[in-house]
Protein backbone atom coordinates (compact mmCIF):
# COMPACT_ATOMS: atom_id res chain seq x y z
CA MET A 1 5.00 67.55 86.24
CA LYS A 2 2.79 66.78 83.24
CA ASN A 3 5.52 64.61 81.63
CA ALA A 4 5.93 62.38 84.68
CA PRO A 5 3.43 59.68 83.55
CA LEU A 6 5.07 59.48 80.11
CA VAL A 7 8.58 59.01 81.47
CA ALA A 8 7.36 56.57 84.11
CA ALA A 9 5.64 54.56 81.38
CA LEU A 10 8.85 54.50 79.34
CA LEU A 11 10.77 53.16 82.32
CA SER A 12 8.14 50.57 83.16
CA THR A 13 8.08 49.37 79.55
CA ALA A 14 11.86 49.19 79.61
CA LEU A 15 11.65 46.84 82.57
CA LEU A 16 8.77 44.63 81.47
CA GLY A 17 9.40 44.52 77.73
CA ALA A 18 6.57 44.70 75.21
CA PRO A 19 5.95 41.38 73.45
CA ALA A 20 6.64 40.96 69.75
CA VAL A 21 4.53 38.88 67.40
CA VAL A 22 6.59 35.89 66.29
CA LEU A 23 6.09 32.29 65.27
CA ALA A 24 7.93 29.63 67.24
CA ASP A 25 8.85 26.16 66.06
CA ALA A 26 5.99 23.88 67.09
CA HIS A 27 8.34 21.18 68.34
CA SER A 28 11.13 23.06 70.12
CA GLY A 29 9.20 26.16 71.19
CA MET A 30 12.10 28.21 69.84
CA VAL A 31 12.05 30.59 66.89
CA GLY A 32 14.52 30.12 64.07
CA ASP A 33 17.68 32.10 63.47
CA ASP A 34 15.81 33.99 60.74
CA VAL A 35 13.47 35.53 63.31
CA ILE A 36 16.33 36.81 65.45
CA ALA A 37 18.10 38.10 62.33
CA ALA A 38 14.93 39.94 61.31
CA GLN A 39 14.63 41.50 64.77
CA ARG A 40 18.24 42.67 64.62
CA ALA A 41 17.67 44.09 61.13
CA ALA A 42 14.58 45.95 62.34
CA LEU A 43 16.58 47.37 65.26
CA ALA A 44 19.30 48.56 62.89
CA ASP A 45 16.78 50.10 60.48
CA SER A 46 14.71 51.86 63.15
CA SER A 47 17.78 53.33 64.85
CA ASP A 48 19.78 54.28 61.75
CA GLY A 49 20.37 58.03 61.76
CA ALA A 50 17.88 58.56 64.60
CA GLY A 51 20.49 59.61 67.17
CA PHE A 52 19.99 56.87 69.73
CA GLY A 53 22.70 56.35 72.32
CA PRO A 54 24.53 53.09 73.00
CA GLN A 55 22.42 50.07 73.92
CA ALA A 56 22.47 47.14 76.34
CA PRO A 57 22.97 44.22 76.89
CA ARG A 58 26.27 43.35 75.24
CA ASP A 59 29.18 40.92 75.29
CA ILE A 60 31.32 42.35 78.09
CA ASP A 61 34.41 40.65 76.67
CA VAL A 62 34.12 42.73 73.47
CA LEU A 63 35.55 46.20 74.05
CA THR A 64 34.80 47.81 70.69
CA GLY A 65 31.86 50.04 69.80
CA ASP A 66 31.16 52.84 67.33
CA ASN A 67 28.19 54.69 68.81
CA PRO A 68 28.97 58.44 68.73
CA ARG A 69 26.55 59.59 71.42
CA VAL A 70 28.30 60.83 74.55
CA PHE A 71 26.83 61.15 78.03
CA SER A 72 28.32 61.47 81.47
CA GLU A 73 28.98 58.29 83.41
CA ALA A 74 26.72 58.00 86.44
CA PRO A 75 28.36 58.30 89.88
CA HIS A 76 29.52 55.29 91.86
CA PHE A 77 26.46 53.48 93.19
CA THR A 78 27.34 54.38 96.79
CA ARG A 79 26.65 58.01 95.86
CA MET A 80 23.22 57.18 94.42
CA ASN A 81 19.90 55.86 95.74
CA LEU A 82 18.92 52.23 95.21
CA CYS A 83 15.51 52.39 93.55
CA ASN A 84 14.72 48.88 92.28
CA ILE A 85 15.90 45.27 92.27
CA HIS A 86 14.68 42.74 89.73
CA PHE A 87 16.10 39.83 87.76
CA HIS A 88 15.99 38.23 84.33
CA ALA A 89 15.75 34.53 83.45
CA ASN A 90 19.24 33.71 82.11
CA ALA A 91 21.88 36.40 81.78
CA GLU A 92 21.11 39.22 79.38
CA HIS A 93 24.82 39.94 79.08
CA LYS A 94 27.41 37.53 77.71
CA GLY A 95 30.95 37.08 79.02
CA GLY A 96 32.96 35.90 81.99
CA ASP A 97 31.34 32.77 83.48
CA PHE A 98 28.10 33.15 81.49
CA THR A 99 28.85 32.35 77.86
CA LYS A 100 26.63 29.32 77.19
CA PHE A 101 23.87 30.37 74.78
CA ALA A 102 20.45 29.19 75.95
CA GLY A 103 18.99 29.33 72.43
CA ASN A 104 16.78 31.73 70.50
CA GLY A 105 13.84 31.32 72.84
CA ASP A 106 10.30 32.24 71.81
CA GLY A 107 11.26 35.56 70.18
CA GLU A 108 9.68 37.45 73.07
CA GLY A 109 12.62 37.19 75.46
CA HIS A 110 11.76 33.89 77.13
CA GLY A 111 14.07 30.89 76.90
CA THR A 112 16.99 32.89 75.55
CA GLY A 113 20.05 34.66 76.97
CA PHE A 114 23.17 33.12 78.44
CA GLU A 115 23.74 30.45 81.08
CA TYR A 116 26.44 29.63 83.59
CA ALA A 117 29.14 27.76 81.69
CA GLY A 118 30.48 25.86 84.70
CA THR A 119 29.47 22.54 86.23
CA LEU A 120 27.26 21.75 89.22
CA THR A 121 26.98 18.69 91.43
CA GLU A 122 24.11 16.24 91.37
CA ALA A 123 23.07 17.45 94.83
CA GLU A 124 23.03 21.10 93.68
CA LEU A 125 20.74 20.09 90.80
CA ALA A 126 18.31 18.05 92.90
CA PRO A 127 14.70 18.90 91.93
CA LEU A 128 12.43 20.90 94.22
CA ASP A 129 9.14 19.89 95.75
CA ARG A 130 7.41 23.16 94.81
CA ALA A 131 7.31 25.57 91.89
CA ILE A 132 9.21 28.84 92.30
CA GLY A 133 8.68 32.01 90.30
CA ASP A 134 6.25 30.63 87.71
CA ILE A 135 4.50 33.66 86.22
CA GLY A 136 3.50 32.07 82.95
CA HIS A 137 6.77 31.05 81.33
CA GLY A 138 7.85 28.16 83.54
CA ALA A 139 9.18 27.86 87.06
CA LEU A 140 12.75 28.44 88.15
CA GLU A 141 14.73 25.23 88.61
CA PRO A 142 18.07 24.29 90.16
CA GLY A 143 20.81 24.96 87.61
CA ASP A 144 19.04 27.99 86.12
CA THR A 145 20.92 31.24 85.67
CA ILE A 146 19.53 34.66 86.60
CA GLU A 147 20.90 38.16 86.08
CA VAL A 148 20.07 40.52 88.93
CA HIS A 149 19.85 44.26 88.34
CA TYR A 150 20.40 46.51 91.33
CA VAL A 151 19.14 49.78 89.84
CA HIS A 152 20.35 53.13 91.22
CA THR A 153 19.30 56.71 90.55
CA THR A 154 20.47 60.22 91.37
CA ALA A 155 16.84 61.18 92.11
CA GLN A 156 15.70 61.50 95.73
CA VAL A 157 13.49 58.42 95.96
CA GLU A 158 12.82 55.31 97.99
CA PRO A 159 13.18 51.76 96.65
CA GLY A 160 10.00 50.45 95.06
CA PRO A 161 8.30 48.52 92.24
CA THR A 162 9.29 48.96 88.56
CA LEU A 163 11.80 51.39 87.15
CA GLY A 164 9.23 54.13 87.70
CA ALA A 165 10.52 54.11 91.29
CA CYS A 166 13.75 55.61 89.96
CA LEU A 167 12.04 58.92 89.11
CA SER A 168 10.71 61.77 91.18
CA GLU A 169 8.54 64.78 90.42
CA SER A 170 11.60 66.92 91.09
CA VAL A 171 14.04 65.01 88.81
CA MET A 172 12.55 63.38 85.73
CA ASN A 173 15.89 62.87 83.97
CA PRO A 174 18.10 61.36 86.68
CA GLN A 175 21.33 59.54 86.01
CA LEU A 176 20.85 55.78 86.23
CA ARG A 177 23.28 53.00 87.10
CA VAL A 178 22.74 49.25 87.17
CA GLU A 179 25.00 47.13 89.35
CA THR A 180 24.74 43.67 87.80
CA GLN A 181 25.39 40.24 89.27
CA VAL A 182 24.74 36.90 87.59
CA TYR A 183 23.78 34.00 89.86
CA VAL A 184 23.27 30.28 89.30
CA LEU A 185 20.46 28.71 91.32
CA VAL A 186 21.39 25.63 93.37
CA ASN A 187 19.47 23.37 95.72
CA ASP A 188 21.88 23.96 98.58
CA PRO A 189 20.95 25.74 101.83
CA ALA A 190 24.63 26.51 102.39
CA ALA A 191 24.78 28.62 99.21
CA LEU A 192 24.31 32.39 99.30
CA ASP A 193 20.97 33.61 100.60
CA PHE A 194 19.05 35.78 98.13
CA VAL A 195 17.16 37.60 100.87
CA THR A 196 20.51 38.68 102.31
CA LEU A 197 21.89 39.58 98.87
CA THR A 198 18.95 41.92 98.25
CA LYS A 199 18.83 43.48 101.72
CA HIS A 200 18.72 47.26 101.59
CA GLY A 201 18.94 50.10 104.04
CA THR A 202 20.09 53.68 104.47
CA VAL A 203 23.78 54.60 104.53
CA ASP A 204 24.80 58.25 104.92
CA GLY A 205 21.30 59.32 103.91
CA LEU A 206 21.19 57.21 100.74
CA HIS A 207 19.24 54.03 100.07
CA GLN A 208 21.73 51.25 99.41
CA ALA A 209 21.84 47.56 98.51
CA LEU A 210 23.91 46.38 101.44
CA ASN A 211 25.24 43.03 100.23
CA ILE A 212 26.10 43.20 96.53
CA PRO A 213 28.92 40.64 96.10
CA THR A 214 32.45 42.04 96.10
CA ASP A 215 34.29 38.82 95.21
CA THR A 216 32.98 38.14 91.69
CA GLY A 217 35.57 40.07 89.71
CA ALA A 218 36.11 43.70 88.84
CA PRO A 219 32.92 44.98 87.18
CA VAL A 220 33.06 45.72 83.46
CA GLN A 221 31.73 49.26 83.14
CA TYR A 222 30.16 50.72 80.02
CA GLU A 223 27.50 53.15 78.85
CA GLY A 224 24.29 51.64 77.54
CA SER A 225 20.51 51.67 77.89
CA THR A 226 17.62 49.91 79.56
CA THR A 227 16.97 46.34 78.46
CA GLY A 228 14.05 43.90 78.10
CA ALA A 229 12.64 42.19 75.01
CA GLY A 230 10.47 45.20 74.19
CA TYR A 231 13.62 46.72 72.68
CA ASN A 232 14.47 43.87 70.32
CA GLU A 233 13.33 45.89 67.31
CA VAL A 234 13.52 49.49 68.53
CA ALA A 235 16.29 51.19 70.50
CA SER A 236 15.86 52.27 74.09
CA PRO A 237 16.00 56.08 74.49
CA LEU A 238 17.16 55.90 78.12
CA LYS A 239 20.78 56.27 79.24
CA VAL A 240 22.23 53.84 81.78
CA SER A 241 25.72 53.30 83.18
CA TRP A 242 26.38 49.57 83.64
CA SER A 243 28.65 47.66 86.01
CA VAL A 244 28.63 43.94 85.16
CA ARG A 245 30.54 41.49 87.33
CA PRO A 246 32.14 38.70 85.28
CA ARG A 247 32.06 35.86 87.81
CA VAL A 248 28.94 33.89 88.71
CA ALA A 249 27.93 33.28 92.33
CA LYS A 250 25.86 30.33 93.59
CA VAL A 251 22.63 31.22 95.36
CA SER A 252 20.10 29.02 97.14
CA ILE A 253 17.06 28.65 94.90
CA LYS A 254 14.81 28.24 97.93
CA SER A 255 15.95 31.62 99.23
CA VAL A 256 14.98 33.13 95.86
CA GLY A 257 11.54 31.62 96.41
CA THR A 258 11.36 33.19 99.85
CA TRP A 259 12.20 36.60 98.35
CA LEU A 260 9.62 36.23 95.61
CA ASP A 261 6.97 35.41 98.21
CA GLY A 262 7.23 38.98 99.50
CA ASN A 263 9.59 41.84 98.65
CA ALA A 264 9.52 45.64 98.52
CA PHE A 265 9.69 45.59 94.72
CA GLU A 266 6.58 43.42 94.20
CA GLU A 267 8.60 41.00 92.10
CA ALA A 268 6.98 37.60 91.53
CA GLY A 269 9.29 36.08 88.91
CA ALA A 270 11.90 36.66 86.24
CA HIS A 271 11.73 39.24 83.45
CA SER A 272 12.35 38.76 79.75
CA VAL A 273 15.76 38.97 78.06
CA ARG A 274 16.62 41.36 75.25
CA ASN A 275 18.59 40.01 72.31
CA LEU A 276 22.30 40.61 72.73
CA VAL A 277 23.16 43.87 70.96
CA VAL A 278 25.93 43.16 68.45
CA ASN A 279 25.65 46.10 66.01
CA PRO A 280 28.81 48.23 66.57
CA ALA A 281 26.80 51.35 65.71
CA LEU A 282 24.70 50.69 68.84
CA LEU A 283 27.56 49.89 71.21
CA SER A 284 29.80 52.14 73.25
CA ARG A 285 33.52 51.55 73.47
CA ILE A 286 34.70 50.00 76.73
CA ASP A 287 37.87 51.72 77.96
């Protein structure tokens, strides 16, 4: 289909996030509150009256939202195909065990988001002897928080790199669902193994993530969009059903490094974080 490259590009941009031009504080490396406020104002202005649907990420403990756009909730993920797995540095969502604000970051989605609000032992925080996941914005370290997105589609596809893997020539407007789990990285070989957590295979003819945690609380489900810092000032046009688990699980940071060394999704590190969406006009109501 002639529109396939355009939609694939939209999905890939949604994953990677286009950088914004901002000025960070020379000492802290973080932009001021005025920069984030300006980005939120630009998002409100560019989406006002334009008909965009509800956005993501959000505070999952806040149930209110005034966005009038309605779309059908995607099926349960076991009735869809897993198409992509990736993760963001810090949680994009806020709520549950991940309510500690990391700061404004650089204005381009790095160094911001939300962190695990609990405590870790000295042994769990012991430094590593090698860098993990450093793709230009710093390596992952014990104590870091990541938000993993297990992306599912109603299209007939196989798991692969970028959100473009969620499309097919036959279905360019599939329903999308993201099963979300926040992890805290610990230097503990007895913690959960990320390679196991991201294992996938075929069940009843559908590609499935086989080991998404089931003991981290009932997922908060809502209707939203794709994320990534490229949507800090413009709304995402794509519709996504979200399931966000409120409890954090501990995962071995070394196992994350093993996964990054070679995986079916060609992931080498963490992705950027979109500003938390707080404008009620851009949020759905959580029932």
